[in-house]
């Protein structure tokens, strides 16, 4: 399975296989406390699907909300072969990593 996390955050990139995904993202995601996520819509067309999700948590630097987080999923047979996750990367940078926005 290939997993792509969009943007230019410390979490962004393409990961191959569940082991690499959990090794690279696990430490950062473990800082999210009381994570609650709800899938709000699923759109399927052949072997591709788009899933919309809402997530809330307490992050290291404040409240964390992704609404929506969007997943584009590609399936072959009965397995997910590609997963693209699109989220609010500013939320990740500010609430998870404590970076400040500047008026540049």
N, C-alpha and C. Protein backbone atom coordinates (compact mmCIF):
# COMPACT_ATOMS: atom_id res chain seq x y z
N UNK A 1 0.84 -1.18 0.00
CA UNK A 1 0.00 0.00 0.00
C UNK A 1 0.88 1.24 0.00
N UNK A 2 0.48 2.23 -0.74
CA UNK A 2 1.16 3.51 -0.78
C UNK A 2 0.24 4.55 -0.14
N UNK A 3 0.82 5.39 0.73
CA UNK A 3 0.05 6.40 1.44
C UNK A 3 0.73 7.75 1.22
N UNK A 4 -0.04 8.74 0.77
CA UNK A 4 0.51 10.07 0.54
C UNK A 4 -0.21 11.08 1.42
N UNK A 5 0.56 11.80 2.21
CA UNK A 5 0.04 12.85 3.09
C UNK A 5 0.48 14.17 2.46
N UNK A 6 -0.46 15.00 2.03
CA UNK A 6 -0.16 16.20 1.24
C UNK A 6 0.55 17.28 2.04
N UNK A 7 1.11 18.22 1.31
CA UNK A 7 1.65 19.43 1.91
C UNK A 7 3.15 19.39 2.11
N UNK A 8 3.60 20.31 2.96
CA UNK A 8 5.02 20.46 3.26
C UNK A 8 5.24 20.47 4.77
N UNK A 9 4.43 19.74 5.49
CA UNK A 9 4.54 19.64 6.94
C UNK A 9 5.59 18.58 7.30
N UNK A 10 5.97 18.48 8.56
CA UNK A 10 6.87 17.39 8.96
C UNK A 10 6.27 16.00 8.73
N UNK A 11 4.95 15.92 8.58
CA UNK A 11 4.30 14.63 8.33
C UNK A 11 4.14 14.32 6.85
N UNK A 12 4.25 15.34 6.00
CA UNK A 12 3.96 15.17 4.57
C UNK A 12 4.96 14.24 3.89
N UNK A 13 4.45 13.54 2.89
CA UNK A 13 5.30 12.66 2.11
C UNK A 13 4.54 11.43 1.66
N UNK A 14 5.26 10.55 0.96
CA UNK A 14 4.68 9.29 0.51
C UNK A 14 5.33 8.17 1.31
N UNK A 15 4.49 7.31 1.83
CA UNK A 15 4.93 6.19 2.65
C UNK A 15 4.51 4.90 1.96
N UNK A 16 5.34 3.88 2.09
CA UNK A 16 5.07 2.60 1.42
C UNK A 16 4.92 1.51 2.46
N UNK A 17 3.70 1.01 2.57
CA UNK A 17 3.41 -0.07 3.51
C UNK A 17 3.04 0.44 4.89
N UNK A 18 2.24 -0.34 5.59
CA UNK A 18 1.78 0.05 6.91
C UNK A 18 2.91 0.25 7.92
N UNK A 19 3.97 -0.56 7.83
CA UNK A 19 5.06 -0.44 8.80
C UNK A 19 5.74 0.92 8.69
N UNK A 20 6.07 1.35 7.47
CA UNK A 20 6.71 2.66 7.30
C UNK A 20 5.77 3.77 7.74
N UNK A 21 4.50 3.65 7.40
CA UNK A 21 3.50 4.65 7.79
C UNK A 21 3.46 4.82 9.30
N UNK A 22 3.34 3.72 10.04
CA UNK A 22 3.23 3.80 11.49
C UNK A 22 4.55 4.23 12.13
N UNK A 23 5.68 3.81 11.57
CA UNK A 23 6.97 4.23 12.13
C UNK A 23 7.18 5.73 11.99
N UNK A 24 6.79 6.30 10.83
CA UNK A 24 7.05 7.72 10.57
C UNK A 24 5.99 8.63 11.19
N UNK A 25 4.71 8.23 11.11
CA UNK A 25 3.63 9.09 11.60
C UNK A 25 3.23 8.80 13.04
N UNK A 26 3.46 7.60 13.49
CA UNK A 26 3.03 7.19 14.82
C UNK A 26 3.45 8.12 15.94
N UNK A 27 4.75 8.46 16.04
CA UNK A 27 5.19 9.33 17.14
C UNK A 27 4.47 10.68 17.17
N UNK A 28 4.27 11.30 16.02
CA UNK A 28 3.58 12.60 15.98
C UNK A 28 2.10 12.46 16.27
N UNK A 29 1.48 11.43 15.73
CA UNK A 29 0.04 11.26 15.92
C UNK A 29 -0.30 10.81 17.34
N UNK A 30 0.67 10.23 18.04
CA UNK A 30 0.39 9.80 19.42
C UNK A 30 0.20 10.99 20.34
N UNK A 31 0.63 12.20 19.90
CA UNK A 31 0.42 13.41 20.70
C UNK A 31 -1.03 13.91 20.64
N UNK A 32 -1.83 13.39 19.71
CA UNK A 32 -3.23 13.79 19.62
C UNK A 32 -4.02 13.04 20.69
N UNK A 33 -4.62 13.78 21.61
CA UNK A 33 -5.39 13.18 22.70
C UNK A 33 -6.88 13.30 22.42
N UNK A 34 -7.62 12.33 22.85
CA UNK A 34 -9.08 12.31 22.68
C UNK A 34 -9.49 12.47 21.22
N UNK A 35 -8.77 11.81 20.33
CA UNK A 35 -9.06 11.89 18.90
C UNK A 35 -10.42 11.25 18.61
N UNK A 36 -11.27 12.03 17.97
CA UNK A 36 -12.59 11.53 17.54
C UNK A 36 -12.72 11.82 16.05
N UNK A 37 -13.02 10.82 15.28
CA UNK A 37 -13.20 11.03 13.85
C UNK A 37 -14.47 10.34 13.38
N UNK A 38 -15.12 11.02 12.45
CA UNK A 38 -16.38 10.54 11.90
C UNK A 38 -16.34 10.69 10.39
N UNK A 39 -16.61 9.61 9.68
CA UNK A 39 -16.75 9.72 8.24
C UNK A 39 -18.12 10.29 7.94
N UNK A 40 -18.17 11.35 7.14
CA UNK A 40 -19.43 12.04 6.87
C UNK A 40 -20.00 11.71 5.50
N UNK A 41 -19.15 11.27 4.58
CA UNK A 41 -19.63 10.94 3.24
C UNK A 41 -18.65 10.01 2.56
N UNK A 42 -19.17 9.08 1.78
CA UNK A 42 -18.35 8.17 0.99
C UNK A 42 -18.90 8.15 -0.42
N UNK A 43 -18.03 8.43 -1.39
CA UNK A 43 -18.42 8.43 -2.80
C UNK A 43 -17.57 7.38 -3.49
N UNK A 44 -18.20 6.41 -4.14
CA UNK A 44 -17.48 5.31 -4.77
C UNK A 44 -17.78 5.29 -6.26
N UNK A 45 -16.70 5.11 -7.05
CA UNK A 45 -16.83 4.98 -8.50
C UNK A 45 -15.81 3.95 -8.96
N UNK A 46 -16.29 2.74 -9.20
CA UNK A 46 -15.38 1.67 -9.61
C UNK A 46 -14.41 1.33 -8.51
N UNK A 47 -13.11 1.38 -8.83
CA UNK A 47 -12.10 1.02 -7.83
C UNK A 47 -11.56 2.21 -7.06
N UNK A 48 -12.21 3.37 -7.20
CA UNK A 48 -11.79 4.57 -6.46
C UNK A 48 -12.93 5.06 -5.58
N UNK A 49 -12.54 5.62 -4.47
CA UNK A 49 -13.52 6.18 -3.54
C UNK A 49 -12.96 7.47 -2.95
N UNK A 50 -13.87 8.36 -2.59
CA UNK A 50 -13.52 9.58 -1.87
C UNK A 50 -14.29 9.54 -0.56
N UNK A 51 -13.57 9.67 0.53
CA UNK A 51 -14.19 9.66 1.85
C UNK A 51 -13.95 11.01 2.52
N UNK A 52 -15.02 11.61 3.02
CA UNK A 52 -14.92 12.86 3.77
C UNK A 52 -15.04 12.53 5.25
N UNK A 53 -14.18 13.17 6.06
CA UNK A 53 -14.15 12.87 7.47
C UNK A 53 -14.02 14.16 8.27
N UNK A 54 -14.53 14.14 9.47
CA UNK A 54 -14.35 15.24 10.43
C UNK A 54 -13.61 14.66 11.61
N UNK A 55 -12.54 15.34 12.05
CA UNK A 55 -11.76 14.86 13.19
C UNK A 55 -11.51 16.00 14.17
N UNK A 56 -11.56 15.68 15.45
CA UNK A 56 -11.22 16.64 16.50
C UNK A 56 -10.32 15.93 17.51
N UNK A 57 -9.46 16.73 18.13
CA UNK A 57 -8.56 16.18 19.16
C UNK A 57 -7.96 17.34 19.94
N UNK A 58 -7.21 17.00 20.96
CA UNK A 58 -6.39 17.96 21.69
C UNK A 58 -4.96 17.70 21.25
N UNK A 59 -4.34 18.68 20.62
CA UNK A 59 -2.97 18.55 20.13
C UNK A 59 -2.02 19.20 21.12
N UNK A 60 -0.74 19.06 20.86
CA UNK A 60 0.30 19.59 21.75
C UNK A 60 0.19 21.10 21.96
N UNK A 61 -0.35 21.82 20.95
CA UNK A 61 -0.39 23.28 21.03
C UNK A 61 -1.80 23.85 20.92
N UNK A 62 -2.81 23.06 21.25
CA UNK A 62 -4.17 23.57 21.25
C UNK A 62 -5.16 22.63 20.59
N UNK A 63 -6.40 23.10 20.47
CA UNK A 63 -7.44 22.26 19.87
C UNK A 63 -7.14 21.99 18.39
N UNK A 64 -7.46 20.81 17.97
CA UNK A 64 -7.16 20.34 16.61
C UNK A 64 -8.45 19.91 15.94
N UNK A 65 -8.71 20.47 14.75
CA UNK A 65 -9.91 20.10 13.99
C UNK A 65 -9.54 19.96 12.52
N UNK A 66 -10.00 18.90 11.93
CA UNK A 66 -9.92 18.71 10.47
C UNK A 66 -11.35 18.53 10.00
N UNK A 67 -11.85 19.49 9.25
CA UNK A 67 -13.24 19.42 8.80
C UNK A 67 -13.38 20.17 7.47
N UNK A 68 -13.29 19.46 6.37
CA UNK A 68 -13.14 18.01 6.27
C UNK A 68 -11.69 17.60 6.08
N UNK A 69 -11.43 16.37 6.36
CA UNK A 69 -10.23 15.68 5.87
C UNK A 69 -10.75 14.84 4.71
N UNK A 70 -10.01 14.79 3.65
CA UNK A 70 -10.47 14.10 2.44
C UNK A 70 -9.49 12.99 2.10
N UNK A 71 -10.01 11.81 1.88
CA UNK A 71 -9.21 10.65 1.51
C UNK A 71 -9.62 10.20 0.11
N UNK A 72 -8.66 10.02 -0.76
CA UNK A 72 -8.91 9.41 -2.07
C UNK A 72 -8.29 8.01 -1.99
N UNK A 73 -9.11 7.01 -2.17
CA UNK A 73 -8.72 5.63 -1.94
C UNK A 73 -8.80 4.85 -3.25
N UNK A 74 -7.75 4.10 -3.56
CA UNK A 74 -7.76 3.22 -4.74
C UNK A 74 -7.67 1.79 -4.25
N UNK A 75 -8.58 0.96 -4.76
CA UNK A 75 -8.67 -0.44 -4.34
C UNK A 75 -8.41 -1.34 -5.54
N UNK A 76 -7.65 -2.40 -5.32
CA UNK A 76 -7.48 -3.45 -6.32
C UNK A 76 -7.80 -4.76 -5.63
N UNK A 77 -8.74 -5.51 -6.19
CA UNK A 77 -9.21 -6.71 -5.51
C UNK A 77 -9.91 -6.28 -4.25
N UNK A 78 -9.48 -6.81 -3.13
CA UNK A 78 -10.08 -6.44 -1.84
C UNK A 78 -9.10 -5.66 -0.97
N UNK A 79 -8.05 -5.07 -1.61
CA UNK A 79 -7.04 -4.37 -0.83
C UNK A 79 -6.92 -2.92 -1.26
N UNK A 80 -6.68 -2.05 -0.28
CA UNK A 80 -6.36 -0.65 -0.58
C UNK A 80 -4.92 -0.63 -1.06
N UNK A 81 -4.70 -0.07 -2.27
CA UNK A 81 -3.35 -0.01 -2.82
C UNK A 81 -2.78 1.41 -2.79
N UNK A 82 -3.65 2.41 -2.69
CA UNK A 82 -3.18 3.79 -2.63
C UNK A 82 -4.17 4.61 -1.82
N UNK A 83 -3.62 5.45 -0.95
CA UNK A 83 -4.44 6.32 -0.11
C UNK A 83 -3.81 7.70 -0.11
N UNK A 84 -4.57 8.69 -0.53
CA UNK A 84 -4.13 10.08 -0.55
C UNK A 84 -4.96 10.82 0.49
N UNK A 85 -4.29 11.47 1.44
CA UNK A 85 -4.99 12.21 2.49
C UNK A 85 -4.75 13.70 2.31
N UNK A 86 -5.84 14.46 2.22
CA UNK A 86 -5.77 15.91 2.09
C UNK A 86 -6.41 16.55 3.31
N UNK A 87 -5.62 17.38 4.00
CA UNK A 87 -6.06 17.99 5.24
C UNK A 87 -5.64 19.45 5.28
N UNK A 88 -6.07 20.14 6.33
CA UNK A 88 -5.65 21.52 6.57
C UNK A 88 -4.25 21.47 7.16
N UNK A 89 -3.24 21.74 6.34
CA UNK A 89 -1.85 21.63 6.80
C UNK A 89 -1.48 22.75 7.77
N UNK A 90 -2.15 23.88 7.71
CA UNK A 90 -1.89 24.95 8.68
C UNK A 90 -2.27 24.48 10.08
N UNK A 91 -3.37 23.76 10.19
CA UNK A 91 -3.80 23.21 11.48
C UNK A 91 -2.71 22.29 12.04
N UNK A 92 -2.12 21.48 11.19
CA UNK A 92 -1.05 20.58 11.63
C UNK A 92 0.16 21.38 12.09
N UNK A 93 0.57 22.34 11.28
CA UNK A 93 1.76 23.13 11.61
C UNK A 93 1.59 23.91 12.92
N UNK A 94 0.43 24.53 13.12
CA UNK A 94 0.24 25.38 14.30
C UNK A 94 -0.12 24.57 15.55
N UNK A 95 -1.05 23.65 15.45
CA UNK A 95 -1.54 22.96 16.64
C UNK A 95 -0.70 21.75 17.02
N UNK A 96 -0.11 21.08 16.05
CA UNK A 96 0.71 19.90 16.37
C UNK A 96 2.18 20.23 16.58
N UNK A 97 2.69 21.22 15.81
CA UNK A 97 4.12 21.52 15.85
C UNK A 97 4.44 22.89 16.42
N UNK A 98 3.41 23.67 16.77
CA UNK A 98 3.62 24.95 17.45
C UNK A 98 4.21 26.06 16.58
N UNK A 99 4.12 25.91 15.27
CA UNK A 99 4.63 26.98 14.39
C UNK A 99 3.64 28.12 14.37
N UNK A 100 4.13 29.33 14.27
CA UNK A 100 3.30 30.52 14.25
C UNK A 100 3.15 31.01 12.82
N UNK A 101 1.97 31.51 12.51
CA UNK A 101 1.75 32.14 11.20
C UNK A 101 2.30 33.55 11.24
N UNK A 102 2.85 33.97 10.13
CA UNK A 102 3.35 35.35 10.04
C UNK A 102 2.77 36.01 8.81
N UNK A 103 2.63 37.32 8.88
CA UNK A 103 2.13 38.09 7.73
C UNK A 103 3.33 38.45 6.87
N UNK A 104 3.77 37.51 6.07
CA UNK A 104 4.96 37.73 5.23
C UNK A 104 4.61 38.41 3.94
